[in-house]
Amino acid sequence: MPDEHTTAAVQRFLLELAGDSPSEPVIRSLLERSVGRLELLCSTMLFRSYPRLTRPPLNLHADEMLGAVAERLLKALREIRPESPRQFFALANRHLRWELNDLARRLDERSRAVELREDLAIARESSSSAALSPNARRILNAIDGLPEEEREVFELVRIQGLTHGEASLVLGVSTKTVQRRLNRSLVLLAGMLADLRTAAASSDEA
């Protein structure tokens, strides 16, 4: 079904995966059919959020990331059964971040002679918050505490840098839905972190 919409195709394979079909062929077909969106995720996150990994000594390319993420998903889907395309791409997004964080950590261990700006970028992207300030940890925890739909959109648009259109393709929803969820996430975060904004305003006035 070459003209079948990716979201519908992914849903079809997920239904097969939940049934009695042998899982390995279905998983491989699922990954092959969704490769376009997976490549979009890899390319966008790599070049917008982890640009240092594209430079020497790693010179990482999106197609190399695609292979690594596909391998991670192949293993994960033997145990995990997403029920919808949104859950599937959220799973892919999570493993992509883990893979990039791991590569960044290993690169950082090999060489500490990096620019301050890059050090700060890696600290922000790292899953470890040990080196972050209390306020930064609060912000990360607030993001993690958002409802699932709002958190996914916030991470795709505000953290990974996807456009509303790109995020809508990944999630299988309309751009208006992406905008609505993003606005909702910003309202929720503003409420959870209101005291930080008040403190910052008081500091500016002083």
C-alpha atoms as a PDB file:
ATOM      1  CA  MET A   1       0.000   0.000   0.000  1.00  0.00           C
ATOM      2  CA  PRO A   2       2.518   2.643  -1.150  1.00  0.00           C
ATOM      3  CA  ASP A   3       0.046   5.542  -0.993  1.00  0.00           C
ATOM      4  CA  GLU A   4      -1.258   4.723   2.443  1.00  0.00           C
ATOM      5  CA  HIS A   5      -0.901   7.579   4.898  1.00  0.00           C
ATOM      6  CA  THR A   6       1.935   6.957   7.346  1.00  0.00           C
ATOM      7  CA  THR A   7      -0.234   7.404  10.445  1.00  0.00           C
ATOM      8  CA  ALA A   8      -2.810   4.914   9.158  1.00  0.00           C
ATOM      9  CA  ALA A   9      -0.075   2.468   8.183  1.00  0.00           C
ATOM     10  CA  VAL A  10       1.576   2.698  11.594  1.00  0.00           C
ATOM     11  CA  GLN A  11      -1.783   2.124  13.283  1.00  0.00           C
ATOM     12  CA  ARG A  12      -2.371  -0.929  11.109  1.00  0.00           C
ATOM     13  CA  PHE A  13       0.967  -2.458  12.054  1.00  0.00           C
ATOM     14  CA  LEU A  14       0.385  -1.698  15.728  1.00  0.00           C
ATOM     15  CA  LEU A  15      -2.912  -3.557  15.568  1.00  0.00           C
ATOM     16  CA  GLU A  16      -1.138  -6.508  13.976  1.00  0.00           C
ATOM     17  CA  LEU A  17       1.514  -6.339  16.663  1.00  0.00           C
ATOM     18  CA  ALA A  18      -1.157  -6.567  19.331  1.00  0.00           C
ATOM     19  CA  GLY A  19      -2.664  -9.637  17.681  1.00  0.00           C
ATOM     20  CA  ASP A  20      -1.384 -13.142  17.063  1.00  0.00           C
ATOM     21  CA  SER A  21       0.975 -12.325  14.176  1.00  0.00           C
ATOM     22  CA  PRO A  22       4.670 -13.209  14.642  1.00  0.00           C
ATOM     23  CA  SER A  23       6.090 -10.017  16.136  1.00  0.00           C
ATOM     24  CA  GLU A  24       9.483  -9.747  14.400  1.00  0.00           C
ATOM     25  CA  PRO A  25       8.227  -9.379  10.790  1.00  0.00           C
ATOM     26  CA  VAL A  26       5.548  -6.919  11.899  1.00  0.00           C
ATOM     27  CA  ILE A  27       8.047  -4.816  13.849  1.00  0.00           C
ATOM     28  CA  ARG A  28      10.414  -4.656  10.887  1.00  0.00           C
ATOM     29  CA  SER A  29       7.582  -3.680   8.542  1.00  0.00           C
ATOM     30  CA  LEU A  30       6.471  -1.022  11.015  1.00  0.00           C
ATOM     31  CA  LEU A  31       9.958   0.483  11.150  1.00  0.00           C
ATOM     32  CA  GLU A  32      10.318   0.403   7.364  1.00  0.00           C
ATOM     33  CA  ARG A  33       6.960   2.153   6.871  1.00  0.00           C
ATOM     34  CA  SER A  34       7.699   4.864   9.435  1.00  0.00           C
ATOM     35  CA  VAL A  35      11.285   5.515   8.328  1.00  0.00           C
ATOM     36  CA  GLY A  36      10.410   8.912   6.818  1.00  0.00           C
ATOM     37  CA  ARG A  37       9.142  10.350  10.078  1.00  0.00           C
ATOM     38  CA  LEU A  38      11.901   8.691  12.077  1.00  0.00           C
ATOM     39  CA  GLU A  39      14.478  10.287   9.782  1.00  0.00           C
ATOM     40  CA  LEU A  40      12.786  13.666  10.290  1.00  0.00           C
ATOM     41  CA  LEU A  41      13.047  13.235  14.055  1.00  0.00           C
ATOM     42  CA  CYS A  42      16.700  12.189  13.858  1.00  0.00           C
ATOM     43  CA  SER A  43      17.743  15.017  11.554  1.00  0.00           C
ATOM     44  CA  THR A  44      15.860  17.736  13.408  1.00  0.00           C
ATOM     45  CA  MET A  45      16.978  16.758  16.896  1.00  0.00           C
ATOM     46  CA  LEU A  46      20.585  16.149  15.853  1.00  0.00           C
ATOM     47  CA  PHE A  47      21.181  19.398  13.964  1.00  0.00           C
ATOM     48  CA  ARG A  48      19.080  21.691  16.136  1.00  0.00           C
ATOM     49  CA  SER A  49      19.692  20.316  19.631  1.00  0.00           C
ATOM     50  CA  TYR A  50      23.021  18.458  19.370  1.00  0.00           C
ATOM     51  CA  PRO A  51      25.021  20.305  16.680  1.00  0.00           C
ATOM     52  CA  ARG A  52      28.340  19.564  18.417  1.00  0.00           C
ATOM     53  CA  LEU A  53      27.891  15.893  17.560  1.00  0.00           C
ATOM     54  CA  THR A  54      27.861  16.751  13.838  1.00  0.00           C
ATOM     55  CA  ARG A  55      31.356  18.225  14.096  1.00  0.00           C
ATOM     56  CA  PRO A  56      34.716  16.470  14.569  1.00  0.00           C
ATOM     57  CA  PRO A  57      35.608  14.093  16.050  1.00  0.00           C
ATOM     58  CA  LEU A  58      32.203  12.356  15.678  1.00  0.00           C
ATOM     59  CA  ASN A  59      30.899  13.969  12.453  1.00  0.00           C
ATOM     60  CA  LEU A  60      27.570  12.283  13.148  1.00  0.00           C
ATOM     61  CA  HIS A  61      24.997  12.101  10.339  1.00  0.00           C
ATOM     62  CA  ALA A  62      21.235  11.685  10.569  1.00  0.00           C
ATOM     63  CA  ASP A  63      21.297   8.388   8.671  1.00  0.00           C
ATOM     64  CA  GLU A  64      23.718   6.977  11.255  1.00  0.00           C
ATOM     65  CA  MET A  65      21.330   8.031  14.008  1.00  0.00           C
ATOM     66  CA  LEU A  66      18.423   6.481  12.124  1.00  0.00           C
ATOM     67  CA  GLY A  67      20.113   3.086  12.181  1.00  0.00           C
ATOM     68  CA  ALA A  68      20.887   3.332  15.897  1.00  0.00           C
ATOM     69  CA  VAL A  69      17.341   4.395  16.783  1.00  0.00           C
ATOM     70  CA  ALA A  70      15.830   1.665  14.601  1.00  0.00           C
ATOM     71  CA  GLU A  71      17.961  -0.885  16.454  1.00  0.00           C
ATOM     72  CA  ARG A  72      16.802   0.492  19.808  1.00  0.00           C
ATOM     73  CA  LEU A  73      13.167   0.394  18.688  1.00  0.00           C
ATOM     74  CA  LEU A  74      13.534  -3.131  17.353  1.00  0.00           C
ATOM     75  CA  LYS A  75      14.583  -4.283  20.813  1.00  0.00           C
ATOM     76  CA  ALA A  76      12.054  -2.132  22.685  1.00  0.00           C
ATOM     77  CA  LEU A  77       9.077  -3.265  20.594  1.00  0.00           C
ATOM     78  CA  ARG A  78       9.752  -6.876  21.530  1.00  0.00           C
ATOM     79  CA  GLU A  79       8.600  -5.931  25.020  1.00  0.00           C
ATOM     80  CA  ILE A  80       6.510  -2.771  24.597  1.00  0.00           C
ATOM     81  CA  ARG A  81       3.262  -2.575  22.621  1.00  0.00           C
ATOM     82  CA  PRO A  82       2.293   1.024  21.735  1.00  0.00           C
ATOM     83  CA  GLU A  83      -1.432   1.353  21.129  1.00  0.00           C
ATOM     84  CA  SER A  84      -1.359   4.360  18.804  1.00  0.00           C
ATOM     85  CA  PRO A  85       0.978   6.158  16.369  1.00  0.00           C
ATOM     86  CA  ARG A  86       1.370   8.913  18.963  1.00  0.00           C
ATOM     87  CA  GLN A  87       2.641   6.407  21.533  1.00  0.00           C
ATOM     88  CA  PHE A  88       4.912   4.805  18.942  1.00  0.00           C
ATOM     89  CA  PHE A  89       6.574   8.080  17.921  1.00  0.00           C
ATOM     90  CA  ALA A  90       6.812   9.144  21.560  1.00  0.00           C
ATOM     91  CA  LEU A  91       8.713   5.905  22.175  1.00  0.00           C
ATOM     92  CA  ALA A  92      10.962   6.651  19.191  1.00  0.00           C
ATOM     93  CA  ASN A  93      11.536  10.181  20.444  1.00  0.00           C
ATOM     94  CA  ARG A  94      12.533   8.895  23.883  1.00  0.00           C
ATOM     95  CA  HIS A  95      15.056   6.410  22.489  1.00  0.00           C
ATOM     96  CA  LEU A  96      16.484   9.047  20.151  1.00  0.00           C
ATOM     97  CA  ARG A  97      17.108  11.372  23.074  1.00  0.00           C
ATOM     98  CA  TRP A  98      18.716   8.557  25.055  1.00  0.00           C
ATOM     99  CA  GLU A  99      20.996   7.691  22.150  1.00  0.00           C
ATOM    100  CA  LEU A 100      22.081  11.295  21.630  1.00  0.00           C
ATOM    101  CA  ASN A 101      22.549  11.896  25.352  1.00  0.00           C
ATOM    102  CA  ASP A 102      24.715   8.787  25.550  1.00  0.00           C
ATOM    103  CA  LEU A 103      26.840   9.902  22.595  1.00  0.00           C
ATOM    104  CA  ALA A 104      27.198  13.385  24.072  1.00  0.00           C
ATOM    105  CA  ARG A 105      28.210  11.956  27.440  1.00  0.00           C
ATOM    106  CA  ARG A 106      30.854   9.708  25.896  1.00  0.00           C
ATOM    107  CA  LEU A 107      32.198  12.558  23.795  1.00  0.00           C
ATOM    108  CA  ASP A 108      32.379  14.759  26.873  1.00  0.00           C
ATOM    109  CA  GLU A 109      34.313  12.083  28.704  1.00  0.00           C
ATOM    110  CA  ARG A 110      36.843  11.887  25.852  1.00  0.00           C
ATOM    111  CA  SER A 111      37.479  15.589  25.728  1.00  0.00           C
ATOM    112  CA  ARG A 112      36.755  18.292  28.315  1.00  0.00           C
ATOM    113  CA  ALA A 113      38.287  21.025  26.157  1.00  0.00           C
ATOM    114  CA  VAL A 114      34.999  22.352  24.777  1.00  0.00           C
ATOM    115  CA  GLU A 115      33.487  25.812  24.622  1.00  0.00           C
ATOM    116  CA  LEU A 116      31.444  27.023  27.583  1.00  0.00           C
ATOM    117  CA  ARG A 117      28.386  27.428  25.404  1.00  0.00           C
ATOM    118  CA  GLU A 118      28.560  23.792  24.315  1.00  0.00           C
ATOM    119  CA  ASP A 119      29.035  22.656  27.910  1.00  0.00           C
ATOM    120  CA  LEU A 120      25.847  24.482  28.867  1.00  0.00           C
ATOM    121  CA  ALA A 121      23.950  22.960  25.945  1.00  0.00           C
ATOM    122  CA  ILE A 122      24.972  19.436  26.927  1.00  0.00           C
ATOM    123  CA  ALA A 123      24.035  20.076  30.552  1.00  0.00           C
ATOM    124  CA  ARG A 124      20.578  21.135  29.421  1.00  0.00           C
ATOM    125  CA  GLU A 125      20.085  18.111  27.167  1.00  0.00           C
ATOM    126  CA  SER A 126      21.553  15.562  29.604  1.00  0.00           C
ATOM    127  CA  SER A 127      19.144  13.308  31.454  1.00  0.00           C
ATOM    128  CA  SER A 128      21.228  13.935  34.579  1.00  0.00           C
ATOM    129  CA  SER A 129      20.385  17.167  36.438  1.00  0.00           C
ATOM    130  CA  ALA A 130      23.188  16.914  39.012  1.00  0.00           C
ATOM    131  CA  ALA A 131      25.060  19.918  37.573  1.00  0.00           C
ATOM    132  CA  LEU A 132      21.976  22.088  37.136  1.00  0.00           C
ATOM    133  CA  SER A 133      20.840  24.858  39.444  1.00  0.00           C
ATOM    134  CA  PRO A 134      17.799  24.331  41.709  1.00  0.00           C
ATOM    135  CA  ASN A 135      15.703  26.567  39.453  1.00  0.00           C
ATOM    136  CA  ALA A 136      16.770  24.646  36.331  1.00  0.00           C
ATOM    137  CA  ARG A 137      15.845  21.367  38.016  1.00  0.00           C
ATOM    138  CA  ARG A 138      12.452  22.854  38.911  1.00  0.00           C
ATOM    139  CA  ILE A 139      11.852  23.817  35.294  1.00  0.00           C
ATOM    140  CA  LEU A 140      12.800  20.337  34.031  1.00  0.00           C
ATOM    141  CA  ASN A 141      10.585  18.720  36.662  1.00  0.00           C
ATOM    142  CA  ALA A 142       7.709  21.019  35.693  1.00  0.00           C
ATOM    143  CA  ILE A 143       8.084  19.994  32.040  1.00  0.00           C
ATOM    144  CA  ASP A 144       8.130  16.318  33.057  1.00  0.00           C
ATOM    145  CA  GLY A 145       4.992  16.950  35.106  1.00  0.00           C
ATOM    146  CA  LEU A 146       2.937  18.225  32.159  1.00  0.00           C
ATOM    147  CA  PRO A 147       0.115  16.012  30.843  1.00  0.00           C
ATOM    148  CA  GLU A 148       1.441  13.609  28.216  1.00  0.00           C
ATOM    149  CA  GLU A 149      -0.008  15.339  25.146  1.00  0.00           C
ATOM    150  CA  GLU A 150       1.145  18.794  26.226  1.00  0.00           C
ATOM    151  CA  ARG A 151       4.597  17.511  27.245  1.00  0.00           C
ATOM    152  CA  GLU A 152       5.136  15.809  23.870  1.00  0.00           C
ATOM    153  CA  VAL A 153       4.302  18.968  21.934  1.00  0.00           C
ATOM    154  CA  PHE A 154       6.379  21.185  24.224  1.00  0.00           C
ATOM    155  CA  GLU A 155       9.431  18.925  23.850  1.00  0.00           C
ATOM    156  CA  LEU A 156       9.088  18.644  20.077  1.00  0.00           C
ATOM    157  CA  VAL A 157       8.556  22.369  19.437  1.00  0.00           C
ATOM    158  CA  ARG A 158      10.322  24.224  22.247  1.00  0.00           C
ATOM    159  CA  ILE A 159      13.166  21.823  23.090  1.00  0.00           C
ATOM    160  CA  GLN A 160      13.864  19.968  19.846  1.00  0.00           C
ATOM    161  CA  GLY A 161      12.981  22.873  17.578  1.00  0.00           C
ATOM    162  CA  LEU A 162      10.468  21.203  15.260  1.00  0.00           C
ATOM    163  CA  THR A 163       8.024  23.457  13.446  1.00  0.00           C
ATOM    164  CA  HIS A 164       4.327  23.075  14.158  1.00  0.00           C
ATOM    165  CA  GLY A 165       3.965  21.298  10.826  1.00  0.00           C
ATOM    166  CA  GLU A 166       6.798  18.871  11.584  1.00  0.00           C
ATOM    167  CA  ALA A 167       5.399  18.150  15.039  1.00  0.00           C
ATOM    168  CA  SER A 168       1.960  17.505  13.552  1.00  0.00           C
ATOM    169  CA  LEU A 169       3.476  14.915  11.200  1.00  0.00           C
ATOM    170  CA  VAL A 170       5.273  13.148  14.038  1.00  0.00           C
ATOM    171  CA  LEU A 171       2.202  13.078  16.278  1.00  0.00           C
ATOM    172  CA  GLY A 172      -0.375  12.472  13.565  1.00  0.00           C
ATOM    173  CA  VAL A 173      -2.503  15.482  14.528  1.00  0.00           C
ATOM    174  CA  SER A 174      -3.345  18.807  12.889  1.00  0.00           C
ATOM    175  CA  THR A 175      -1.171  21.897  13.240  1.00  0.00           C
ATOM    176  CA  LYS A 176      -4.035  23.576  15.094  1.00  0.00           C
ATOM    177  CA  THR A 177      -3.974  20.749  17.630  1.00  0.00           C
ATOM    178  CA  VAL A 178      -0.218  21.223  18.031  1.00  0.00           C
ATOM    179  CA  GLN A 179      -0.718  24.949  18.603  1.00  0.00           C
ATOM    180  CA  ARG A 180      -3.508  24.326  21.103  1.00  0.00           C
ATOM    181  CA  ARG A 181      -1.467  21.803  23.093  1.00  0.00           C
ATOM    182  CA  LEU A 182       1.592  24.062  23.035  1.00  0.00           C
ATOM    183  CA  ASN A 183      -0.424  27.010  24.339  1.00  0.00           C
ATOM    184  CA  ARG A 184      -1.870  24.790  27.042  1.00  0.00           C
ATOM    185  CA  SER A 185       1.613  23.625  28.069  1.00  0.00           C
ATOM    186  CA  LEU A 186       2.824  27.224  28.326  1.00  0.00           C
ATOM    187  CA  VAL A 187      -0.123  28.188  30.507  1.00  0.00           C
ATOM    188  CA  LEU A 188       0.462  25.203  32.803  1.00  0.00           C
ATOM    189  CA  LEU A 189       4.193  25.923  33.083  1.00  0.00           C
ATOM    190  CA  ALA A 190       3.542  29.594  33.803  1.00  0.00           C
ATOM    191  CA  GLY A 191       1.284  28.545  36.671  1.00  0.00           C
ATOM    192  CA  MET A 192       3.735  26.014  38.092  1.00  0.00           C
ATOM    193  CA  LEU A 193       6.693  28.407  37.851  1.00  0.00           C
ATOM    194  CA  ALA A 194       4.958  31.684  38.673  1.00  0.00           C
ATOM    195  CA  ASP A 195       7.155  32.310  41.720  1.00  0.00           C
ATOM    196  CA  LEU A 196      10.299  32.179  39.562  1.00  0.00           C
ATOM    197  CA  ARG A 197       8.963  34.906  37.297  1.00  0.00           C
ATOM    198  CA  THR A 198       8.028  37.004  40.342  1.00  0.00           C
ATOM    199  CA  ALA A 199      11.498  36.571  41.808  1.00  0.00           C
ATOM    200  CA  ALA A 200      13.129  37.526  38.496  1.00  0.00           C
ATOM    201  CA  ALA A 201      10.959  40.639  38.221  1.00  0.00           C
ATOM    202  CA  SER A 202      11.837  41.689  41.786  1.00  0.00           C
ATOM    203  CA  SER A 203      15.535  41.213  41.040  1.00  0.00           C
ATOM    204  CA  ASP A 204      15.282  43.400  37.917  1.00  0.00           C
ATOM    205  CA  GLU A 205      13.563  46.171  39.882  1.00  0.00           C
ATOM    206  CA  ALA A 206      16.265  46.067  42.553  1.00  0.00           C
END
